[in-house]
Amino acid sequence: MLRLPATVTGLLLIALVAYWLAGVVGEHDKLAAIAPPPTSRGDYRITLAFAPERFHQLLLQDKGRLVEVRGNVVFMKDVDPAALRSIARNYWVESVTRWSGR
């Protein structure tokens, strides 16, 4: 009687862990271009898989100062290292590079 709910719950947990692990691995790959890893706030050029919509812009504004959007590239200032890792975990973020802030 409890076999189906237990099986479905187990499959959902496996799917959630796989999604989380994919985000962690993706974060590491996307931040590999920024060596050594940042230890203080910085300015970054974040390339998305598509032009950001309002949802994405609001989410990014919570992580730092969103300065400009050009197509699918977002320019941000004063991004904390933990917030940068959080941004890089998103599947819709393609790459993260340093930006001179100009």
PDB file of N, CA and C in Angstrom:
ATOM      1  N   MET A   1       0.815  -1.192   0.000  1.00  0.00           N
ATOM      2  CA  MET A   1       0.000   0.000   0.000  1.00  0.00           C
ATOM      3  C   MET A   1       0.861   1.259   0.000  1.00  0.00           C
ATOM      4  N   LEU A   2       1.984   1.238   0.701  1.00  0.00           N
ATOM      5  CA  LEU A   2       2.853   2.404   0.756  1.00  0.00           C
ATOM      6  C   LEU A   2       3.990   2.349  -0.266  1.00  0.00           C
ATOM      7  N   ARG A   3       4.012   1.318  -1.084  1.00  0.00           N
ATOM      8  CA  ARG A   3       5.113   1.163  -2.028  1.00  0.00           C
ATOM      9  C   ARG A   3       5.135   2.262  -3.072  1.00  0.00           C
ATOM     10  N   LEU A   4       3.997   2.612  -3.649  1.00  0.00           N
ATOM     11  CA  LEU A   4       3.954   3.636  -4.690  1.00  0.00           C
ATOM     12  C   LEU A   4       4.346   5.012  -4.148  1.00  0.00           C
ATOM     13  N   PRO A   5       3.770   5.483  -3.033  1.00  0.00           N
ATOM     14  CA  PRO A   5       4.205   6.789  -2.519  1.00  0.00           C
ATOM     15  C   PRO A   5       5.690   6.806  -2.135  1.00  0.00           C
ATOM     16  N   ALA A   6       6.183   5.714  -1.571  1.00  0.00           N
ATOM     17  CA  ALA A   6       7.599   5.666  -1.195  1.00  0.00           C
ATOM     18  C   ALA A   6       8.484   5.689  -2.438  1.00  0.00           C
ATOM     19  N   THR A   7       8.087   4.997  -3.486  1.00  0.00           N
ATOM     20  CA  THR A   7       8.849   4.975  -4.733  1.00  0.00           C
ATOM     21  C   THR A   7       8.863   6.358  -5.377  1.00  0.00           C
ATOM     22  N   VAL A   8       7.712   6.996  -5.452  1.00  0.00           N
ATOM     23  CA  VAL A   8       7.616   8.329  -6.052  1.00  0.00           C
ATOM     24  C   VAL A   8       8.430   9.341  -5.235  1.00  0.00           C
ATOM     25  N   THR A   9       8.353   9.260  -3.935  1.00  0.00           N
ATOM     26  CA  THR A   9       9.128  10.153  -3.076  1.00  0.00           C
ATOM     27  C   THR A   9      10.624   9.939  -3.298  1.00  0.00           C
ATOM     28  N   GLY A  10      11.044   8.690  -3.390  1.00  0.00           N
ATOM     29  CA  GLY A  10      12.456   8.386  -3.643  1.00  0.00           C
ATOM     30  C   GLY A  10      12.913   8.925  -4.989  1.00  0.00           C
ATOM     31  N   LEU A  11      12.092   8.756  -6.022  1.00  0.00           N
ATOM     32  CA  LEU A  11      12.439   9.274  -7.348  1.00  0.00           C
ATOM     33  C   LEU A  11      12.516  10.795  -7.357  1.00  0.00           C
ATOM     34  N   LEU A  12      11.611  11.454  -6.653  1.00  0.00           N
ATOM     35  CA  LEU A  12      11.648  12.916  -6.568  1.00  0.00           C
ATOM     36  C   LEU A  12      12.904  13.395  -5.844  1.00  0.00           C
ATOM     37  N   LEU A  13      13.273  12.702  -4.781  1.00  0.00           N
ATOM     38  CA  LEU A  13      14.499  13.067  -4.069  1.00  0.00           C
ATOM     39  C   LEU A  13      15.736  12.885  -4.942  1.00  0.00           C
ATOM     40  N   ILE A  14      15.778  11.812  -5.702  1.00  0.00           N
ATOM     41  CA  ILE A  14      16.892  11.576  -6.616  1.00  0.00           C
ATOM     42  C   ILE A  14      16.960  12.673  -7.671  1.00  0.00           C
ATOM     43  N   ALA A  15      15.806  13.069  -8.220  1.00  0.00           N
ATOM     44  CA  ALA A  15      15.761  14.136  -9.224  1.00  0.00           C
ATOM     45  C   ALA A  15      16.228  15.463  -8.637  1.00  0.00           C
ATOM     46  N   LEU A  16      15.807  15.775  -7.414  1.00  0.00           N
ATOM     47  CA  LEU A  16      16.227  17.025  -6.774  1.00  0.00           C
ATOM     48  C   LEU A  16      17.729  17.051  -6.501  1.00  0.00           C
ATOM     49  N   VAL A  17      18.269  15.949  -6.045  1.00  0.00           N
ATOM     50  CA  VAL A  17      19.710  15.882  -5.784  1.00  0.00           C
ATOM     51  C   VAL A  17      20.491  15.998  -7.094  1.00  0.00           C
ATOM     52  N   ALA A  18      20.007  15.364  -8.160  1.00  0.00           N
ATOM     53  CA  ALA A  18      20.669  15.470  -9.465  1.00  0.00           C
ATOM     54  C   ALA A  18      20.647  16.914  -9.967  1.00  0.00           C
ATOM     55  N   TYR A  19      19.519  17.609  -9.808  1.00  0.00           N
ATOM     56  CA  TYR A  19      19.408  19.012 -10.216  1.00  0.00           C
ATOM     57  C   TYR A  19      20.380  19.877  -9.415  1.00  0.00           C
ATOM     58  N   TRP A  20      20.461  19.636  -8.108  1.00  0.00           N
ATOM     59  CA  TRP A  20      21.366  20.397  -7.250  1.00  0.00           C
ATOM     60  C   TRP A  20      22.821  20.153  -7.645  1.00  0.00           C
ATOM     61  N   LEU A  21      23.186  18.895  -7.881  1.00  0.00           N
ATOM     62  CA  LEU A  21      24.556  18.562  -8.274  1.00  0.00           C
ATOM     63  C   LEU A  21      24.919  19.180  -9.621  1.00  0.00           C
ATOM     64  N   ALA A  22      23.973  19.185 -10.558  1.00  0.00           N
ATOM     65  CA  ALA A  22      24.218  19.816 -11.861  1.00  0.00           C
ATOM     66  C   ALA A  22      24.496  21.302 -11.685  1.00  0.00           C
ATOM     67  N   GLY A  23      23.793  21.951 -10.772  1.00  0.00           N
ATOM     68  CA  GLY A  23      24.029  23.370 -10.495  1.00  0.00           C
ATOM     69  C   GLY A  23      25.396  23.615  -9.904  1.00  0.00           C
ATOM     70  N   VAL A  24      25.819  22.760  -8.989  1.00  0.00           N
ATOM     71  CA  VAL A  24      27.135  22.910  -8.352  1.00  0.00           C
ATOM     72  C   VAL A  24      28.253  22.701  -9.373  1.00  0.00           C
ATOM     73  N   VAL A  25      28.119  21.678 -10.204  1.00  0.00           N
ATOM     74  CA  VAL A  25      29.129  21.417 -11.236  1.00  0.00           C
ATOM     75  C   VAL A  25      29.142  22.553 -12.253  1.00  0.00           C
ATOM     76  N   GLY A  26      27.967  23.015 -12.653  1.00  0.00           N
ATOM     77  CA  GLY A  26      27.884  24.129 -13.594  1.00  0.00           C
ATOM     78  C   GLY A  26      28.491  25.395 -13.031  1.00  0.00           C
ATOM     79  N   GLU A  27      28.252  25.644 -11.752  1.00  0.00           N
ATOM     80  CA  GLU A  27      28.835  26.816 -11.086  1.00  0.00           C
ATOM     81  C   GLU A  27      30.359  26.765 -11.173  1.00  0.00           C
ATOM     82  N   HIS A  28      30.921  25.622 -10.878  1.00  0.00           N
ATOM     83  CA  HIS A  28      32.376  25.470 -10.902  1.00  0.00           C
ATOM     84  C   HIS A  28      32.925  25.732 -12.306  1.00  0.00           C
ATOM     85  N   ASP A  29      32.266  25.190 -13.324  1.00  0.00           N
ATOM     86  CA  ASP A  29      32.712  25.376 -14.710  1.00  0.00           C
ATOM     87  C   ASP A  29      32.597  26.838 -15.143  1.00  0.00           C
ATOM     88  N   LYS A  30      31.513  27.493 -14.769  1.00  0.00           N
ATOM     89  CA  LYS A  30      31.297  28.882 -15.187  1.00  0.00           C
ATOM     90  C   LYS A  30      32.247  29.845 -14.494  1.00  0.00           C
ATOM     91  N   LEU A  31      32.650  29.527 -13.276  1.00  0.00           N
ATOM     92  CA  LEU A  31      33.556  30.404 -12.530  1.00  0.00           C
ATOM     93  C   LEU A  31      35.019  30.049 -12.744  1.00  0.00           C
ATOM     94  N   ALA A  32      35.300  29.007 -13.539  1.00  0.00           N
ATOM     95  CA  ALA A  32      36.683  28.601 -13.790  1.00  0.00           C
ATOM     96  C   ALA A  32      37.450  29.694 -14.528  1.00  0.00           C
ATOM     97  N   ALA A  33      36.755  30.492 -15.336  1.00  0.00           N
ATOM     98  CA  ALA A  33      37.414  31.576 -16.084  1.00  0.00           C
ATOM     99  C   ALA A  33      37.897  32.683 -15.155  1.00  0.00           C
ATOM    100  N   ILE A  34      37.342  32.748 -13.968  1.00  0.00           N
ATOM    101  CA  ILE A  34      37.735  33.761 -12.991  1.00  0.00           C
ATOM    102  C   ILE A  34      38.677  33.094 -11.996  1.00  0.00           C
ATOM    103  N   ALA A  35      39.967  33.125 -12.326  1.00  0.00           N
ATOM    104  CA  ALA A  35      40.940  32.499 -11.428  1.00  0.00           C
ATOM    105  C   ALA A  35      41.887  33.568 -10.912  1.00  0.00           C
ATOM    106  N   PRO A  36      42.177  33.624  -9.680  1.00  0.00           N
ATOM    107  CA  PRO A  36      41.658  32.836  -8.565  1.00  0.00           C
ATOM    108  C   PRO A  36      40.228  33.251  -8.215  1.00  0.00           C
ATOM    109  N   PRO A  37      39.527  32.421  -7.465  1.00  0.00           N
ATOM    110  CA  PRO A  37      38.151  32.752  -7.086  1.00  0.00           C
ATOM    111  C   PRO A  37      38.107  34.079  -6.316  1.00  0.00           C
ATOM    112  N   PRO A  38      37.061  34.858  -6.549  1.00  0.00           N
ATOM    113  CA  PRO A  38      36.963  36.155  -5.873  1.00  0.00           C
ATOM    114  C   PRO A  38      36.791  36.004  -4.363  1.00  0.00           C
ATOM    115  N   THR A  39      37.406  36.934  -3.626  1.00  0.00           N
ATOM    116  CA  THR A  39      37.267  36.942  -2.168  1.00  0.00           C
ATOM    117  C   THR A  39      36.598  38.213  -1.675  1.00  0.00           C
ATOM    118  N   SER A  40      36.385  39.155  -2.583  1.00  0.00           N
ATOM    119  CA  SER A  40      35.697  40.393  -2.208  1.00  0.00           C
ATOM    120  C   SER A  40      34.735  40.777  -3.335  1.00  0.00           C
ATOM    121  N   ARG A  41      33.944  41.795  -3.069  1.00  0.00           N
ATOM    122  CA  ARG A  41      32.968  42.241  -4.061  1.00  0.00           C
ATOM    123  C   ARG A  41      33.672  42.657  -5.351  1.00  0.00           C
ATOM    124  N   GLY A  42      32.984  42.448  -6.474  1.00  0.00           N
ATOM    125  CA  GLY A  42      33.581  42.801  -7.757  1.00  0.00           C
ATOM    126  C   GLY A  42      32.538  43.118  -8.800  1.00  0.00           C
ATOM    127  N   ASP A  43      33.033  43.458 -10.000  1.00  0.00           N
ATOM    128  CA  ASP A  43      32.186  43.795 -11.136  1.00  0.00           C
ATOM    129  C   ASP A  43      32.276  42.645 -12.146  1.00  0.00           C
ATOM    130  N   TYR A  44      31.121  42.229 -12.676  1.00  0.00           N
ATOM    131  CA  TYR A  44      31.096  41.055 -13.539  1.00  0.00           C
ATOM    132  C   TYR A  44      30.197  41.248 -14.745  1.00  0.00           C
ATOM    133  N   ARG A  45      30.572  40.553 -15.814  1.00  0.00           N
ATOM    134  CA  ARG A  45      29.799  40.491 -17.056  1.00  0.00           C
ATOM    135  C   ARG A  45      29.193  39.095 -17.082  1.00  0.00           C
ATOM    136  N   ILE A  46      27.881  39.020 -17.051  1.00  0.00           N
ATOM    137  CA  ILE A  46      27.188  37.735 -16.965  1.00  0.00           C
ATOM    138  C   ILE A  46      26.414  37.515 -18.262  1.00  0.00           C
ATOM    139  N   THR A  47      26.753  36.445 -18.965  1.00  0.00           N
ATOM    140  CA  THR A  47      26.085  36.117 -20.219  1.00  0.00           C
ATOM    141  C   THR A  47      25.016  35.073 -19.937  1.00  0.00           C
ATOM    142  N   LEU A  48      23.785  35.382 -20.350  1.00  0.00           N
ATOM    143  CA  LEU A  48      22.663  34.469 -20.154  1.00  0.00           C
ATOM    144  C   LEU A  48      22.375  33.710 -21.443  1.00  0.00           C
ATOM    145  N   ALA A  49      21.606  32.659 -21.361  1.00  0.00           N
ATOM    146  CA  ALA A  49      21.244  31.863 -22.537  1.00  0.00           C
ATOM    147  C   ALA A  49      20.225  32.590 -23.412  1.00  0.00           C
ATOM    148  N   PHE A  50      19.638  33.648 -22.898  1.00  0.00           N
ATOM    149  CA  PHE A  50      18.612  34.411 -23.620  1.00  0.00           C
ATOM    150  C   PHE A  50      18.541  35.796 -22.996  1.00  0.00           C
ATOM    151  N   ALA A  51      17.843  36.693 -23.647  1.00  0.00           N
ATOM    152  CA  ALA A  51      17.676  38.042 -23.096  1.00  0.00           C
ATOM    153  C   ALA A  51      16.902  37.947 -21.782  1.00  0.00           C
ATOM    154  N   PRO A  52      17.389  38.607 -20.742  1.00  0.00           N
ATOM    155  CA  PRO A  52      16.727  38.488 -19.439  1.00  0.00           C
ATOM    156  C   PRO A  52      15.346  39.137 -19.424  1.00  0.00           C
ATOM    157  N   GLU A  53      14.448  38.473 -18.764  1.00  0.00           N
ATOM    158  CA  GLU A  53      13.109  39.019 -18.556  1.00  0.00           C
ATOM    159  C   GLU A  53      13.084  39.685 -17.182  1.00  0.00           C
ATOM    160  N   ARG A  54      11.963  40.254 -16.845  1.00  0.00           N
ATOM    161  CA  ARG A  54      11.837  40.978 -15.575  1.00  0.00           C
ATOM    162  C   ARG A  54      12.218  40.088 -14.378  1.00  0.00           C
ATOM    163  N   PHE A  55      11.782  38.839 -14.390  1.00  0.00           N
ATOM    164  CA  PHE A  55      12.107  37.906 -13.307  1.00  0.00           C
ATOM    165  C   PHE A  55      13.611  37.801 -13.104  1.00  0.00           C
ATOM    166  N   HIS A  56      14.351  37.610 -14.205  1.00  0.00           N
ATOM    167  CA  HIS A  56      15.793  37.441 -14.122  1.00  0.00           C
ATOM    168  C   HIS A  56      16.472  38.722 -13.634  1.00  0.00           C
ATOM    169  N   GLN A  57      15.999  39.853 -14.126  1.00  0.00           N
ATOM    170  CA  GLN A  57      16.577  41.128 -13.708  1.00  0.00           C
ATOM    171  C   GLN A  57      16.350  41.368 -12.219  1.00  0.00           C
ATOM    172  N   LEU A  58      15.162  41.075 -11.723  1.00  0.00           N
ATOM    173  CA  LEU A  58      14.887  41.257 -10.295  1.00  0.00           C
ATOM    174  C   LEU A  58      15.727  40.313  -9.447  1.00  0.00           C
ATOM    175  N   LEU A  59      15.881  39.086  -9.904  1.00  0.00           N
ATOM    176  CA  LEU A  59      16.704  38.122  -9.179  1.00  0.00           C
ATOM    177  C   LEU A  59      18.159  38.589  -9.121  1.00  0.00           C
ATOM    178  N   LEU A  60      18.668  39.094 -10.240  1.00  0.00           N
ATOM    179  CA  LEU A  60      20.046  39.576 -10.276  1.00  0.00           C
ATOM    180  C   LEU A  60      20.219  40.840  -9.444  1.00  0.00           C
ATOM    181  N   GLN A  61      19.212  41.702  -9.414  1.00  0.00           N
ATOM    182  CA  GLN A  61      19.302  42.915  -8.609  1.00  0.00           C
ATOM    183  C   GLN A  61      19.401  42.600  -7.127  1.00  0.00           C
ATOM    184  N   ASP A  62      18.869  41.485  -6.707  1.00  0.00           N
ATOM    185  CA  ASP A  62      18.996  41.074  -5.311  1.00  0.00           C
ATOM    186  C   ASP A  62      20.426  40.661  -4.969  1.00  0.00           C
ATOM    187  N   LYS A  63      21.234  40.339  -5.989  1.00  0.00           N
ATOM    188  CA  LYS A  63      22.598  39.845  -5.769  1.00  0.00           C
ATOM    189  C   LYS A  63      23.658  40.943  -5.884  1.00  0.00           C
ATOM    190  N   GLY A  64      23.319  42.062  -6.499  1.00  0.00           N
ATOM    191  CA  GLY A  64      24.277  43.148  -6.697  1.00  0.00           C
ATOM    192  C   GLY A  64      23.606  44.275  -7.471  1.00  0.00           C
ATOM    193  N   ARG A  65      24.409  45.235  -7.906  1.00  0.00           N
ATOM    194  CA  ARG A  65      23.855  46.355  -8.662  1.00  0.00           C
ATOM    195  C   ARG A  65      23.857  46.023 -10.143  1.00  0.00           C
ATOM    196  N   LEU A  66      22.696  45.895 -10.727  1.00  0.00           N
ATOM    197  CA  LEU A  66      22.558  45.650 -12.155  1.00  0.00           C
ATOM    198  C   LEU A  66      22.731  47.002 -12.849  1.00  0.00           C
ATOM    199  N   VAL A  67      23.781  47.129 -13.652  1.00  0.00           N
ATOM    200  CA  VAL A  67      24.112  48.406 -14.266  1.00  0.00           C
ATOM    201  C   VAL A  67      23.513  48.541 -15.655  1.00  0.00           C
ATOM    202  N   GLU A  68      23.629  47.479 -16.451  1.00  0.00           N
ATOM    203  CA  GLU A  68      23.200  47.566 -17.843  1.00  0.00           C
ATOM    204  C   GLU A  68      22.875  46.177 -18.378  1.00  0.00           C
ATOM    205  N   VAL A  69      21.971  46.163 -19.361  1.00  0.00           N
ATOM    206  CA  VAL A  69      21.636  44.927 -20.067  1.00  0.00           C
ATOM    207  C   VAL A  69      21.810  45.204 -21.552  1.00  0.00           C
ATOM    208  N   ARG A  70      22.642  44.399 -22.217  1.00  0.00           N
ATOM    209  CA  ARG A  70      22.826  44.498 -23.670  1.00  0.00           C
ATOM    210  C   ARG A  70      22.531  43.132 -24.273  1.00  0.00           C
ATOM    211  N   GLY A  71      21.370  42.990 -24.865  1.00  0.00           N
ATOM    212  CA  GLY A  71      20.984  41.698 -25.424  1.00  0.00           C
ATOM    213  C   GLY A  71      20.849  40.665 -24.325  1.00  0.00           C
ATOM    214  N   ASN A  72      21.689  39.640 -24.373  1.00  0.00           N
ATOM    215  CA  ASN A  72      21.642  38.607 -23.335  1.00  0.00           C
ATOM    216  C   ASN A  72      22.813  38.722 -22.351  1.00  0.00           C
ATOM    217  N   VAL A  73      23.471  39.892 -22.329  1.00  0.00           N
ATOM    218  CA  VAL A  73      24.591  40.139 -21.417  1.00  0.00           C
ATOM    219  C   VAL A  73      24.164  41.154 -20.361  1.00  0.00           C
ATOM    220  N   VAL A  74      24.439  40.807 -19.095  1.00  0.00           N
ATOM    221  CA  VAL A  74      24.098  41.667 -17.965  1.00  0.00           C
ATOM    222  C   VAL A  74      25.399  42.114 -17.310  1.00  0.00           C
ATOM    223  N   PHE A  75      25.508  43.413 -17.050  1.00  0.00           N
ATOM    224  CA  PHE A  75      26.680  43.974 -16.387  1.00  0.00           C
ATOM    225  C   PHE A  75      26.298  44.332 -14.960  1.00  0.00           C
ATOM    226  N   MET A  76      27.074  43.812 -14.006  1.00  0.00           N
ATOM    227  CA  MET A  76      26.758  44.009 -12.591  1.00  0.00           C
ATOM    228  C   MET A  76      27.971  44.516 -11.828  1.00  0.00           C
ATOM    229  N   LYS A  77      27.704  45.337 -10.816  1.00  0.00           N
ATOM    230  CA  LYS A  77      28.748  45.875  -9.938  1.00  0.00           C
ATOM    231  C   LYS A  77      28.472  45.428  -8.507  1.00  0.00           C
ATOM    232  N   ASP A  78      29.533  45.420  -7.711  1.00  0.00           N
ATOM    233  CA  ASP A  78      29.446  45.137  -6.276  1.00  0.00           C
ATOM    234  C   ASP A  78      28.764  43.807  -5.959  1.00  0.00           C
ATOM    235  N   VAL A  79      29.159  42.768  -6.666  1.00  0.00           N
ATOM    236  CA  VAL A  79      28.588  41.442  -6.442  1.00  0.00           C
ATOM    237  C   VAL A  79      29.452  40.704  -5.418  1.00  0.00           C
ATOM    238  N   ASP A  80      28.829  40.226  -4.375  1.00  0.00           N
ATOM    239  CA  ASP A  80      29.496  39.462  -3.332  1.00  0.00           C
ATOM    240  C   ASP A  80      29.877  38.080  -3.881  1.00  0.00           C
ATOM    241  N   PRO A  81      31.006  37.495  -3.436  1.00  0.00           N
ATOM    242  CA  PRO A  81      31.404  36.175  -3.940  1.00  0.00           C
ATOM    243  C   PRO A  81      30.337  35.085  -3.748  1.00  0.00           C
ATOM    244  N   ALA A  82      29.660  35.087  -2.613  1.00  0.00           N
ATOM    245  CA  ALA A  82      28.601  34.081  -2.396  1.00  0.00           C
ATOM    246  C   ALA A  82      27.446  34.306  -3.362  1.00  0.00           C
ATOM    247  N   ALA A  83      27.116  35.567  -3.624  1.00  0.00           N
ATOM    248  CA  ALA A  83      26.043  35.872  -4.570  1.00  0.00           C
ATOM    249  C   ALA A  83      26.455  35.488  -5.989  1.00  0.00           C
ATOM    250  N   LEU A  84      27.735  35.654  -6.309  1.00  0.00           N
ATOM    251  CA  LEU A  84      28.229  35.280  -7.632  1.00  0.00           C
ATOM    252  C   LEU A  84      28.103  33.772  -7.844  1.00  0.00           C
ATOM    253  N   ARG A  85      28.443  33.003  -6.817  1.00  0.00           N
ATOM    254  CA  ARG A  85      28.281  31.543  -6.919  1.00  0.00           C
ATOM    255  C   ARG A  85      26.810  31.173  -7.089  1.00  0.00           C
ATOM    256  N   SER A  86      25.940  31.877  -6.389  1.00  0.00           N
ATOM    257  CA  SER A  86      24.500  31.643  -6.506  1.00  0.00           C
ATOM    258  C   SER A  86      24.000  31.956  -7.914  1.00  0.00           C
ATOM    259  N   ILE A  87      24.509  33.011  -8.500  1.00  0.00           N
ATOM    260  CA  ILE A  87      24.120  33.368  -9.872  1.00  0.00           C
ATOM    261  C   ILE A  87      24.599  32.299 -10.839  1.00  0.00           C
ATOM    262  N   ALA A  88      25.839  31.859 -10.696  1.00  0.00           N
ATOM    263  CA  ALA A  88      26.428  30.884 -11.622  1.00  0.00           C
ATOM    264  C   ALA A  88      25.736  29.530 -11.566  1.00  0.00           C
ATOM    265  N   ARG A  89      25.061  29.206 -10.469  1.00  0.00           N
ATOM    266  CA  ARG A  89      24.355  27.920 -10.357  1.00  0.00           C
ATOM    267  C   ARG A  89      23.142  27.826 -11.262  1.00  0.00           C
ATOM    268  N   ASN A  90      22.598  28.954 -11.682  1.00  0.00           N
ATOM    269  CA  ASN A  90      21.384  28.941 -12.507  1.00  0.00           C
ATOM    270  C   ASN A  90      21.675  28.370 -13.892  1.00  0.00           C
ATOM    271  N   TYR A  91      20.798  27.515 -14.372  1.00  0.00           N
ATOM    272  CA  TYR A  91      21.009  26.866 -15.661  1.00  0.00           C
ATOM    273  C   TYR A  91      20.958  27.851 -16.813  1.00  0.00           C
ATOM    274  N   TRP A  92      20.323  28.987 -16.638  1.00  0.00           N
ATOM    275  CA  TRP A  92      20.196  29.962 -17.721  1.00  0.00           C
ATOM    276  C   TRP A  92      21.381  30.915 -17.801  1.00  0.00           C
ATOM    277  N   VAL A  93      22.365  30.753 -16.927  1.00  0.00           N
ATOM    278  CA  VAL A  93      23.594  31.544 -16.988  1.00  0.00           C
ATOM    279  C   VAL A  93      24.621  30.742 -17.780  1.00  0.00           C
ATOM    280  N   GLU A  94      25.140  31.340 -18.868  1.00  0.00           N
ATOM    281  CA  GLU A  94      26.111  30.631 -19.703  1.00  0.00           C
ATOM    282  C   GLU A  94      27.549  30.860 -19.259  1.00  0.00           C
ATOM    283  N   SER A  95      27.884  32.104 -18.896  1.00  0.00           N
ATOM    284  CA  SER A  95      29.260  32.379 -18.474  1.00  0.00           C
ATOM    285  C   SER A  95      29.313  33.608 -17.576  1.00  0.00           C
ATOM    286  N   VAL A  96      30.378  33.664 -16.787  1.00  0.00           N
ATOM    287  CA  VAL A  96      30.633  34.784 -15.893  1.00  0.00           C
ATOM    288  C   VAL A  96      32.093  35.188 -16.076  1.00  0.00           C
ATOM    289  N   THR A  97      32.323  36.471 -16.359  1.00  0.00           N
ATOM    290  CA  THR A  97      33.675  36.981 -16.492  1.00  0.00           C
ATOM    291  C   THR A  97      33.802  38.293 -15.726  1.00  0.00           C
ATOM    292  N   ARG A  98      35.042  38.658 -15.424  1.00  0.00           N
ATOM    293  CA  ARG A  98      35.266  39.939 -14.763  1.00  0.00           C
ATOM    294  C   ARG A  98      34.971  41.065 -15.736  1.00  0.00           C
ATOM    295  N   TRP A  99      34.599  42.203 -15.179  1.00  0.00           N
ATOM    296  CA  TRP A  99      34.284  43.382 -15.980  1.00  0.00           C
ATOM    297  C   TRP A  99      34.993  44.567 -15.343  1.00  0.00           C
ATOM    298  N   SER A 100      35.522  45.429 -16.169  1.00  0.00           N
ATOM    299  CA  SER A 100      36.276  46.574 -15.647  1.00  0.00           C
ATOM    300  C   SER A 100      35.381  47.623 -15.000  1.00  0.00           C
ATOM    301  N   GLY A 101      34.095  47.553 -15.246  1.00  0.00           N
ATOM    302  CA  GLY A 101      33.169  48.491 -14.626  1.00  0.00           C
ATOM    303  C   GLY A 101      33.012  49.791 -15.379  1.00  0.00           C
ATOM    304  N   ARG A 102      33.430  49.811 -16.618  1.00  0.00           N
ATOM    305  CA  ARG A 102      33.314  51.035 -17.420  1.00  0.00           C
ATOM    306  C   ARG A 102      32.346  50.879 -18.541  1.00  0.00           C
TER     307      ARG A 102
END
